Amino acid sequence: MSDLAHHRLLPTVADTEALGAELGGTLTAGDLVVLDGPLGAGKTALARGIGAGLGVAGRISSPTFIMARDHRPGRPDGVGMVHVDAYRLGSTGGDVLADLDALDLDTDLTERVVVVEWGAGVVERLADRHLLVRLRRGDDTDERTATWDWIDAAP
């Protein structure tokens, strides 16, 4: 992360969703967002907010068991979102990039915003740059923190 990374305290789930909506309002088709954080850090809540900021149609829930959900634009001039859970990618001992290719995500990269939970260190190669959002949760609190910045792919 650069020294220009953004940081925010997120006391509630509503605050996490609001940050997602704020970020979603700045995203355009072809953007890749990588959500990094432990279980319970708020990745799905942030993805819900991003979808709200984009104005996508339908309910946004965790794609854990199907690995990817495609959310259509909510208006004719809007941008859709592909929401991916990369936790199990490569878990069968196979190649992670081959698993990603099997999901046909690269066909949606130019038409959708792609939001990937558990994707850090896995999916960055899908785009020349990505928004990395790191979510952390305190040990004895529901309060979370988020740090985010755009990262250019290494040459």
N, C-alpha and C. Protein backbone atom coordinates (compact mmCIF):
# COMPACT_ATOMS: atom_id res chain seq x y z
N MET A 1 0.83 -1.18 0.00
CA MET A 1 0.00 0.00 0.00
C MET A 1 0.88 1.24 0.00
N SER A 2 0.37 2.27 -0.61
CA SER A 2 1.12 3.51 -0.66
C SER A 2 0.89 4.31 0.61
N ASP A 3 1.65 5.37 0.78
CA ASP A 3 1.46 6.26 1.92
C ASP A 3 0.15 7.03 1.81
N LEU A 4 -0.49 6.97 0.64
CA LEU A 4 -1.74 7.69 0.41
C LEU A 4 -2.97 6.84 0.68
N ALA A 5 -2.78 5.67 1.26
CA ALA A 5 -3.91 4.78 1.53
C ALA A 5 -4.93 5.48 2.42
N HIS A 6 -6.18 5.14 2.20
CA HIS A 6 -7.27 5.70 2.99
C HIS A 6 -7.55 4.76 4.16
N HIS A 7 -8.03 5.34 5.26
CA HIS A 7 -8.29 4.55 6.47
C HIS A 7 -9.58 5.06 7.10
N ARG A 8 -10.40 4.12 7.59
CA ARG A 8 -11.63 4.52 8.26
C ARG A 8 -11.98 3.54 9.35
N LEU A 9 -12.47 4.06 10.46
CA LEU A 9 -13.01 3.27 11.55
C LEU A 9 -14.46 2.97 11.22
N LEU A 10 -14.89 1.72 11.41
CA LEU A 10 -16.25 1.29 11.07
C LEU A 10 -16.91 0.68 12.31
N PRO A 11 -17.54 1.50 13.13
CA PRO A 11 -18.12 1.00 14.38
C PRO A 11 -19.28 0.01 14.20
N THR A 12 -20.03 0.11 13.09
CA THR A 12 -21.19 -0.74 12.89
C THR A 12 -21.20 -1.34 11.49
N VAL A 13 -22.04 -2.35 11.31
CA VAL A 13 -22.21 -2.94 9.97
C VAL A 13 -22.74 -1.88 9.01
N ALA A 14 -23.62 -1.02 9.50
CA ALA A 14 -24.16 0.06 8.65
C ALA A 14 -23.03 0.98 8.17
N ASP A 15 -22.04 1.22 9.01
CA ASP A 15 -20.89 2.04 8.60
C ASP A 15 -20.08 1.32 7.52
N THR A 16 -19.95 0.01 7.64
CA THR A 16 -19.23 -0.79 6.64
C THR A 16 -19.97 -0.73 5.31
N GLU A 17 -21.28 -0.90 5.35
CA GLU A 17 -22.08 -0.82 4.12
C GLU A 17 -22.02 0.58 3.52
N ALA A 18 -22.01 1.61 4.36
CA ALA A 18 -21.94 2.99 3.86
C ALA A 18 -20.60 3.24 3.16
N LEU A 19 -19.50 2.73 3.72
CA LEU A 19 -18.21 2.87 3.04
C LEU A 19 -18.26 2.15 1.70
N GLY A 20 -18.85 0.95 1.67
CA GLY A 20 -18.98 0.23 0.40
C GLY A 20 -19.76 1.03 -0.62
N ALA A 21 -20.87 1.65 -0.19
CA ALA A 21 -21.68 2.46 -1.11
C ALA A 21 -20.87 3.64 -1.64
N GLU A 22 -20.08 4.24 -0.76
CA GLU A 22 -19.23 5.36 -1.17
C GLU A 22 -18.21 4.90 -2.22
N LEU A 23 -17.55 3.78 -1.96
CA LEU A 23 -16.59 3.24 -2.91
C LEU A 23 -17.29 2.82 -4.21
N GLY A 24 -18.43 2.16 -4.08
CA GLY A 24 -19.18 1.71 -5.25
C GLY A 24 -19.56 2.85 -6.18
N GLY A 25 -19.83 4.01 -5.61
CA GLY A 25 -20.19 5.17 -6.41
C GLY A 25 -19.03 5.70 -7.24
N THR A 26 -17.82 5.27 -6.96
CA THR A 26 -16.64 5.73 -7.71
C THR A 26 -16.14 4.71 -8.72
N LEU A 27 -16.70 3.50 -8.69
CA LEU A 27 -16.20 2.41 -9.54
C LEU A 27 -16.84 2.43 -10.92
N THR A 28 -16.12 1.89 -11.89
CA THR A 28 -16.63 1.80 -13.25
C THR A 28 -16.42 0.39 -13.80
N ALA A 29 -17.09 0.10 -14.88
CA ALA A 29 -16.96 -1.22 -15.52
C ALA A 29 -15.49 -1.53 -15.76
N GLY A 30 -15.10 -2.75 -15.42
CA GLY A 30 -13.72 -3.17 -15.60
C GLY A 30 -12.89 -3.08 -14.34
N ASP A 31 -13.41 -2.43 -13.30
CA ASP A 31 -12.65 -2.32 -12.05
C ASP A 31 -12.67 -3.64 -11.28
N LEU A 32 -11.56 -3.94 -10.64
CA LEU A 32 -11.40 -5.12 -9.79
C LEU A 32 -11.20 -4.64 -8.36
N VAL A 33 -12.00 -5.18 -7.43
CA VAL A 33 -11.89 -4.85 -6.02
C VAL A 33 -11.56 -6.14 -5.26
N VAL A 34 -10.48 -6.12 -4.50
CA VAL A 34 -10.06 -7.28 -3.72
C VAL A 34 -10.29 -6.96 -2.25
N LEU A 35 -11.12 -7.79 -1.60
CA LEU A 35 -11.43 -7.60 -0.19
C LEU A 35 -10.61 -8.59 0.63
N ASP A 36 -9.80 -8.07 1.53
CA ASP A 36 -8.92 -8.89 2.34
C ASP A 36 -9.27 -8.71 3.81
N GLY A 37 -9.37 -9.82 4.52
CA GLY A 37 -9.65 -9.74 5.95
C GLY A 37 -10.08 -11.09 6.47
N PRO A 38 -9.95 -11.29 7.77
CA PRO A 38 -10.32 -12.57 8.36
C PRO A 38 -11.84 -12.77 8.38
N LEU A 39 -12.25 -13.96 8.74
CA LEU A 39 -13.66 -14.28 8.90
C LEU A 39 -14.30 -13.28 9.86
N GLY A 40 -15.44 -12.73 9.48
CA GLY A 40 -16.15 -11.79 10.33
C GLY A 40 -15.66 -10.36 10.27
N ALA A 41 -14.76 -10.06 9.33
CA ALA A 41 -14.21 -8.70 9.24
C ALA A 41 -15.15 -7.74 8.52
N GLY A 42 -16.15 -8.24 7.80
CA GLY A 42 -17.11 -7.38 7.12
C GLY A 42 -17.00 -7.35 5.61
N LYS A 43 -16.37 -8.37 5.03
CA LYS A 43 -16.19 -8.40 3.57
C LYS A 43 -17.53 -8.42 2.83
N THR A 44 -18.45 -9.26 3.25
CA THR A 44 -19.74 -9.34 2.57
C THR A 44 -20.56 -8.07 2.79
N ALA A 45 -20.49 -7.49 3.98
CA ALA A 45 -21.19 -6.23 4.24
C ALA A 45 -20.64 -5.13 3.34
N LEU A 46 -19.33 -5.10 3.15
CA LEU A 46 -18.74 -4.10 2.26
C LEU A 46 -19.18 -4.35 0.83
N ALA A 47 -19.22 -5.62 0.40
CA ALA A 47 -19.69 -5.96 -0.95
C ALA A 47 -21.14 -5.53 -1.15
N ARG A 48 -21.99 -5.70 -0.12
CA ARG A 48 -23.39 -5.24 -0.20
C ARG A 48 -23.43 -3.73 -0.43
N GLY A 49 -22.58 -3.02 0.28
CA GLY A 49 -22.53 -1.58 0.11
C GLY A 49 -22.04 -1.19 -1.27
N ILE A 50 -21.02 -1.89 -1.78
CA ILE A 50 -20.53 -1.60 -3.13
C ILE A 50 -21.65 -1.80 -4.14
N GLY A 51 -22.38 -2.89 -4.00
CA GLY A 51 -23.51 -3.14 -4.90
C GLY A 51 -24.55 -2.04 -4.82
N ALA A 52 -24.82 -1.56 -3.60
CA ALA A 52 -25.78 -0.46 -3.43
C ALA A 52 -25.26 0.80 -4.11
N GLY A 53 -23.97 1.08 -3.96
CA GLY A 53 -23.38 2.25 -4.59
C GLY A 53 -23.42 2.18 -6.11
N LEU A 54 -23.29 0.97 -6.63
CA LEU A 54 -23.39 0.77 -8.08
C LEU A 54 -24.83 0.79 -8.56
N GLY A 55 -25.76 0.51 -7.63
CA GLY A 55 -27.17 0.43 -8.00
C GLY A 55 -27.55 -0.87 -8.67
N VAL A 56 -26.87 -1.98 -8.29
CA VAL A 56 -27.19 -3.26 -8.93
C VAL A 56 -28.54 -3.78 -8.46
N ALA A 57 -29.11 -4.66 -9.27
CA ALA A 57 -30.42 -5.25 -8.97
C ALA A 57 -30.25 -6.44 -8.05
N GLY A 58 -31.21 -6.66 -7.19
CA GLY A 58 -31.26 -7.87 -6.37
C GLY A 58 -30.48 -7.77 -5.07
N ARG A 59 -30.70 -8.77 -4.25
CA ARG A 59 -30.08 -8.89 -2.94
C ARG A 59 -28.65 -9.40 -3.08
N ILE A 60 -27.74 -8.86 -2.31
CA ILE A 60 -26.35 -9.30 -2.34
C ILE A 60 -26.06 -10.09 -1.08
N SER A 61 -25.69 -11.35 -1.27
CA SER A 61 -25.33 -12.22 -0.15
C SER A 61 -24.02 -12.91 -0.50
N SER A 62 -23.48 -13.61 0.46
CA SER A 62 -22.19 -14.27 0.27
C SER A 62 -22.29 -15.33 -0.82
N PRO A 63 -21.33 -15.34 -1.74
CA PRO A 63 -21.32 -16.36 -2.80
C PRO A 63 -20.52 -17.61 -2.39
N THR A 64 -20.40 -17.88 -1.10
CA THR A 64 -19.54 -18.94 -0.60
C THR A 64 -19.74 -20.27 -1.30
N PHE A 65 -20.96 -20.73 -1.45
CA PHE A 65 -21.18 -22.08 -1.95
C PHE A 65 -21.23 -22.18 -3.47
N ILE A 66 -21.44 -21.04 -4.14
CA ILE A 66 -21.46 -21.09 -5.60
C ILE A 66 -20.24 -20.41 -6.20
N MET A 67 -19.43 -19.79 -5.40
CA MET A 67 -18.20 -19.08 -5.73
C MET A 67 -18.39 -17.74 -6.42
N ALA A 68 -19.42 -17.56 -7.23
CA ALA A 68 -19.60 -16.27 -7.91
C ALA A 68 -21.07 -16.00 -8.17
N ARG A 69 -21.46 -14.75 -7.95
CA ARG A 69 -22.82 -14.30 -8.27
C ARG A 69 -22.70 -13.10 -9.20
N ASP A 70 -23.52 -13.11 -10.23
CA ASP A 70 -23.55 -12.00 -11.18
C ASP A 70 -24.78 -11.15 -10.87
N HIS A 71 -24.55 -9.88 -10.55
CA HIS A 71 -25.64 -8.95 -10.23
C HIS A 71 -25.80 -7.97 -11.40
N ARG A 72 -26.96 -7.99 -12.01
CA ARG A 72 -27.24 -7.13 -13.16
C ARG A 72 -27.32 -5.67 -12.75
N PRO A 73 -27.06 -4.78 -13.70
CA PRO A 73 -27.25 -3.36 -13.41
C PRO A 73 -28.70 -3.10 -13.03
N GLY A 74 -28.93 -2.16 -12.13
CA GLY A 74 -30.28 -1.83 -11.70
C GLY A 74 -30.95 -0.79 -12.56
N ARG A 75 -30.21 -0.21 -13.48
CA ARG A 75 -30.78 0.79 -14.40
C ARG A 75 -30.11 0.62 -15.76
N PRO A 76 -30.73 1.09 -16.82
CA PRO A 76 -30.20 0.88 -18.17
C PRO A 76 -28.77 1.37 -18.38
N ASP A 77 -28.38 2.46 -17.76
CA ASP A 77 -27.03 2.99 -17.94
C ASP A 77 -26.07 2.55 -16.83
N GLY A 78 -26.52 1.64 -15.97
CA GLY A 78 -25.74 1.23 -14.81
C GLY A 78 -24.70 0.16 -15.11
N VAL A 79 -23.91 -0.13 -14.10
CA VAL A 79 -22.86 -1.15 -14.17
C VAL A 79 -23.24 -2.28 -13.24
N GLY A 80 -23.08 -3.51 -13.70
CA GLY A 80 -23.33 -4.67 -12.87
C GLY A 80 -22.12 -5.03 -12.03
N MET A 81 -22.28 -6.08 -11.22
CA MET A 81 -21.21 -6.50 -10.32
C MET A 81 -21.14 -8.02 -10.31
N VAL A 82 -19.93 -8.54 -10.38
CA VAL A 82 -19.69 -9.96 -10.14
C VAL A 82 -19.08 -10.06 -8.76
N HIS A 83 -19.71 -10.81 -7.88
CA HIS A 83 -19.26 -10.97 -6.49
C HIS A 83 -18.71 -12.39 -6.34
N VAL A 84 -17.44 -12.49 -6.03
CA VAL A 84 -16.74 -13.77 -6.01
C VAL A 84 -16.23 -14.08 -4.60
N ASP A 85 -16.33 -15.34 -4.20
CA ASP A 85 -15.69 -15.83 -2.99
C ASP A 85 -14.55 -16.73 -3.44
N ALA A 86 -13.32 -16.27 -3.29
CA ALA A 86 -12.15 -17.00 -3.79
C ALA A 86 -11.56 -17.95 -2.75
N TYR A 87 -12.24 -18.12 -1.61
CA TYR A 87 -11.69 -18.93 -0.52
C TYR A 87 -11.35 -20.35 -0.96
N ARG A 88 -12.22 -20.96 -1.76
CA ARG A 88 -12.01 -22.35 -2.16
C ARG A 88 -11.26 -22.50 -3.48
N LEU A 89 -10.93 -21.40 -4.13
CA LEU A 89 -10.19 -21.52 -5.39
C LEU A 89 -8.84 -22.17 -5.13
N GLY A 90 -8.53 -23.17 -5.89
CA GLY A 90 -7.27 -23.87 -5.73
C GLY A 90 -7.25 -24.85 -4.57
N SER A 91 -8.37 -24.99 -3.84
CA SER A 91 -8.40 -25.84 -2.66
C SER A 91 -8.33 -27.33 -3.00
N THR A 92 -8.58 -27.68 -4.24
CA THR A 92 -8.50 -29.09 -4.62
C THR A 92 -7.11 -29.46 -5.10
N GLY A 93 -6.16 -28.55 -4.91
CA GLY A 93 -4.79 -28.82 -5.33
C GLY A 93 -4.53 -28.38 -6.76
N GLY A 94 -5.55 -27.84 -7.42
CA GLY A 94 -5.40 -27.39 -8.79
C GLY A 94 -4.82 -25.99 -8.87
N ASP A 95 -4.73 -25.50 -10.06
CA ASP A 95 -4.19 -24.18 -10.32
C ASP A 95 -5.28 -23.13 -10.07
N VAL A 96 -4.97 -22.13 -9.25
CA VAL A 96 -5.94 -21.10 -8.90
C VAL A 96 -6.40 -20.34 -10.14
N LEU A 97 -5.47 -19.99 -11.02
CA LEU A 97 -5.87 -19.26 -12.22
C LEU A 97 -6.76 -20.11 -13.13
N ALA A 98 -6.52 -21.41 -13.17
CA ALA A 98 -7.39 -22.29 -13.96
C ALA A 98 -8.80 -22.30 -13.36
N ASP A 99 -8.88 -22.32 -12.01
CA ASP A 99 -10.19 -22.26 -11.36
C ASP A 99 -10.90 -20.95 -11.70
N LEU A 100 -10.16 -19.84 -11.70
CA LEU A 100 -10.76 -18.56 -12.06
C LEU A 100 -11.24 -18.56 -13.50
N ASP A 101 -10.45 -19.13 -14.39
CA ASP A 101 -10.85 -19.22 -15.79
C ASP A 101 -12.13 -20.03 -15.94
N ALA A 102 -12.27 -21.08 -15.13
CA ALA A 102 -13.47 -21.92 -15.20
C ALA A 102 -14.72 -21.13 -14.82
N LEU A 103 -14.55 -20.07 -14.02
CA LEU A 103 -15.69 -19.22 -13.65
C LEU A 103 -16.01 -18.20 -14.74
N ASP A 104 -15.18 -18.11 -15.77
CA ASP A 104 -15.36 -17.16 -16.87
C ASP A 104 -15.42 -15.71 -16.39
N LEU A 105 -14.69 -15.39 -15.34
CA LEU A 105 -14.71 -14.03 -14.84
C LEU A 105 -14.13 -13.03 -15.81
N ASP A 106 -13.11 -13.45 -16.54
CA ASP A 106 -12.46 -12.49 -17.43
C ASP A 106 -13.41 -12.01 -18.53
N THR A 107 -14.47 -12.73 -18.81
CA THR A 107 -15.44 -12.26 -19.81
C THR A 107 -16.29 -11.13 -19.24
N ASP A 108 -16.37 -11.02 -17.92
CA ASP A 108 -17.17 -9.98 -17.29
C ASP A 108 -16.35 -8.77 -16.86
N LEU A 109 -15.05 -8.86 -16.89
CA LEU A 109 -14.23 -7.78 -16.36
C LEU A 109 -14.45 -6.45 -17.06
N THR A 110 -14.72 -6.47 -18.32
CA THR A 110 -14.91 -5.21 -19.04
C THR A 110 -16.33 -4.67 -18.90
N GLU A 111 -17.27 -5.50 -18.50
CA GLU A 111 -18.67 -5.09 -18.41
C GLU A 111 -19.16 -4.88 -16.98
N ARG A 112 -18.45 -5.40 -16.03
CA ARG A 112 -18.88 -5.40 -14.63
C ARG A 112 -17.75 -4.92 -13.73
N VAL A 113 -18.12 -4.54 -12.52
CA VAL A 113 -17.15 -4.39 -11.44
C VAL A 113 -17.05 -5.77 -10.81
N VAL A 114 -15.84 -6.25 -10.60
CA VAL A 114 -15.62 -7.57 -9.99
C VAL A 114 -15.13 -7.36 -8.57
N VAL A 115 -15.88 -7.88 -7.59
CA VAL A 115 -15.55 -7.76 -6.18
C VAL A 115 -15.24 -9.17 -5.68
N VAL A 116 -14.02 -9.35 -5.15
CA VAL A 116 -13.56 -10.68 -4.76
C VAL A 116 -13.24 -10.72 -3.27
N GLU A 117 -13.98 -11.55 -2.53
CA GLU A 117 -13.65 -11.82 -1.14
C GLU A 117 -12.59 -12.91 -1.10
N TRP A 118 -11.70 -12.84 -0.13
CA TRP A 118 -10.62 -13.83 0.04
C TRP A 118 -9.72 -13.88 -1.20
N GLY A 119 -9.59 -12.77 -1.91
CA GLY A 119 -8.86 -12.79 -3.17
C GLY A 119 -7.43 -12.31 -3.10
N ALA A 120 -7.00 -11.75 -1.98
CA ALA A 120 -5.65 -11.19 -1.89
C ALA A 120 -4.60 -12.27 -2.19
N GLY A 121 -3.69 -11.93 -3.08
CA GLY A 121 -2.63 -12.87 -3.45
C GLY A 121 -3.07 -13.88 -4.49
N VAL A 122 -4.33 -13.79 -4.93
CA VAL A 122 -4.87 -14.79 -5.85
C VAL A 122 -5.32 -14.18 -7.17
N VAL A 123 -6.09 -13.11 -7.11
CA VAL A 123 -6.76 -12.62 -8.31
C VAL A 123 -6.19 -11.33 -8.90
N GLU A 124 -5.17 -10.79 -8.28
CA GLU A 124 -4.63 -9.52 -8.75
C GLU A 124 -4.19 -9.58 -10.21
N ARG A 125 -3.85 -10.76 -10.68
CA ARG A 125 -3.38 -10.92 -12.06
C ARG A 125 -4.50 -10.76 -13.09
N LEU A 126 -5.73 -10.61 -12.63
CA LEU A 126 -6.85 -10.44 -13.56
C LEU A 126 -6.93 -9.04 -14.14
N ALA A 127 -6.24 -8.08 -13.54
CA ALA A 127 -6.34 -6.70 -14.01
C ALA A 127 -4.99 -6.00 -13.83
N ASP A 128 -4.82 -4.91 -14.59
CA ASP A 128 -3.58 -4.13 -14.49
C ASP A 128 -3.50 -3.35 -13.18
N ARG A 129 -4.67 -3.09 -12.58
CA ARG A 129 -4.70 -2.44 -11.28
C ARG A 129 -5.97 -2.87 -10.56
N HIS A 130 -5.93 -2.78 -9.26
CA HIS A 130 -7.10 -3.17 -8.48
C HIS A 130 -7.19 -2.33 -7.22
N LEU A 131 -8.39 -2.27 -6.67
CA LEU A 131 -8.62 -1.60 -5.40
C LEU A 131 -8.50 -2.66 -4.32
N LEU A 132 -7.53 -2.52 -3.45
CA LEU A 132 -7.34 -3.45 -2.34
C LEU A 132 -7.93 -2.83 -1.09
N VAL A 133 -8.90 -3.52 -0.49
CA VAL A 133 -9.53 -3.06 0.74
C VAL A 133 -9.21 -4.09 1.82
N ARG A 134 -8.52 -3.63 2.85
CA ARG A 134 -8.17 -4.52 3.97
C ARG A 134 -9.08 -4.18 5.14
N LEU A 135 -9.80 -5.20 5.60
CA LEU A 135 -10.72 -5.05 6.72
C LEU A 135 -10.16 -5.80 7.92
N ARG A 136 -10.23 -5.18 9.07
CA ARG A 136 -9.76 -5.81 10.31
C ARG A 136 -10.81 -5.61 11.38
N ARG A 137 -10.87 -6.57 12.29
CA ARG A 137 -11.83 -6.51 13.39
C ARG A 137 -11.06 -6.65 14.69
N GLY A 138 -11.40 -5.83 15.68
CA GLY A 138 -10.75 -5.92 16.98
C GLY A 138 -11.06 -7.23 17.68
N ASP A 139 -10.16 -7.66 18.56
CA ASP A 139 -10.32 -8.94 19.25
C ASP A 139 -11.57 -9.02 20.11
N ASP A 140 -11.85 -7.98 20.85
CA ASP A 140 -12.97 -8.02 21.79
C ASP A 140 -14.06 -7.01 21.45
N THR A 141 -14.23 -6.73 20.16
CA THR A 141 -15.20 -5.71 19.76
C THR A 141 -15.75 -6.03 18.38
N ASP A 142 -16.89 -5.45 18.07
CA ASP A 142 -17.44 -5.56 16.72
C ASP A 142 -16.92 -4.44 15.83
N GLU A 143 -16.17 -3.52 16.41
CA GLU A 143 -15.64 -2.41 15.64
C GLU A 143 -14.60 -2.91 14.63
N ARG A 144 -14.71 -2.37 13.43
CA ARG A 144 -13.80 -2.77 12.35
C ARG A 144 -13.06 -1.55 11.83
N THR A 145 -11.97 -1.82 11.12
CA THR A 145 -11.25 -0.75 10.43
C THR A 145 -11.08 -1.18 8.98
N ALA A 146 -11.02 -0.20 8.11
CA ALA A 146 -10.79 -0.46 6.69
C ALA A 146 -9.66 0.44 6.21
N THR A 147 -8.79 -0.13 5.41
CA THR A 147 -7.74 0.61 4.73
C THR A 147 -7.84 0.24 3.27
N TRP A 148 -7.80 1.23 2.37
CA TRP A 148 -7.95 0.92 0.95
C TRP A 148 -7.09 1.83 0.09
N ASP A 149 -6.70 1.28 -1.05
CA ASP A 149 -5.90 2.04 -2.02
C ASP A 149 -5.89 1.30 -3.34
N TRP A 150 -5.69 2.03 -4.42
CA TRP A 150 -5.52 1.42 -5.73
C TRP A 150 -4.08 0.93 -5.87
N ILE A 151 -3.93 -0.29 -6.34
CA ILE A 151 -2.62 -0.91 -6.49
C ILE A 151 -2.39 -1.23 -7.98
N ASP A 152 -1.28 -0.76 -8.52
CA ASP A 152 -0.92 -1.10 -9.90
C ASP A 152 -0.22 -2.44 -9.93
N ALA A 153 -0.48 -3.21 -10.98
CA ALA A 153 0.16 -4.52 -11.12
C ALA A 153 1.67 -4.32 -11.28
N ALA A 154 2.41 -5.24 -10.72
CA ALA A 154 3.87 -5.18 -10.86
C ALA A 154 4.25 -5.44 -12.31
N PRO A 155 5.24 -4.70 -12.83
CA PRO A 155 5.64 -4.88 -14.24
C PRO A 155 6.31 -6.22 -14.47
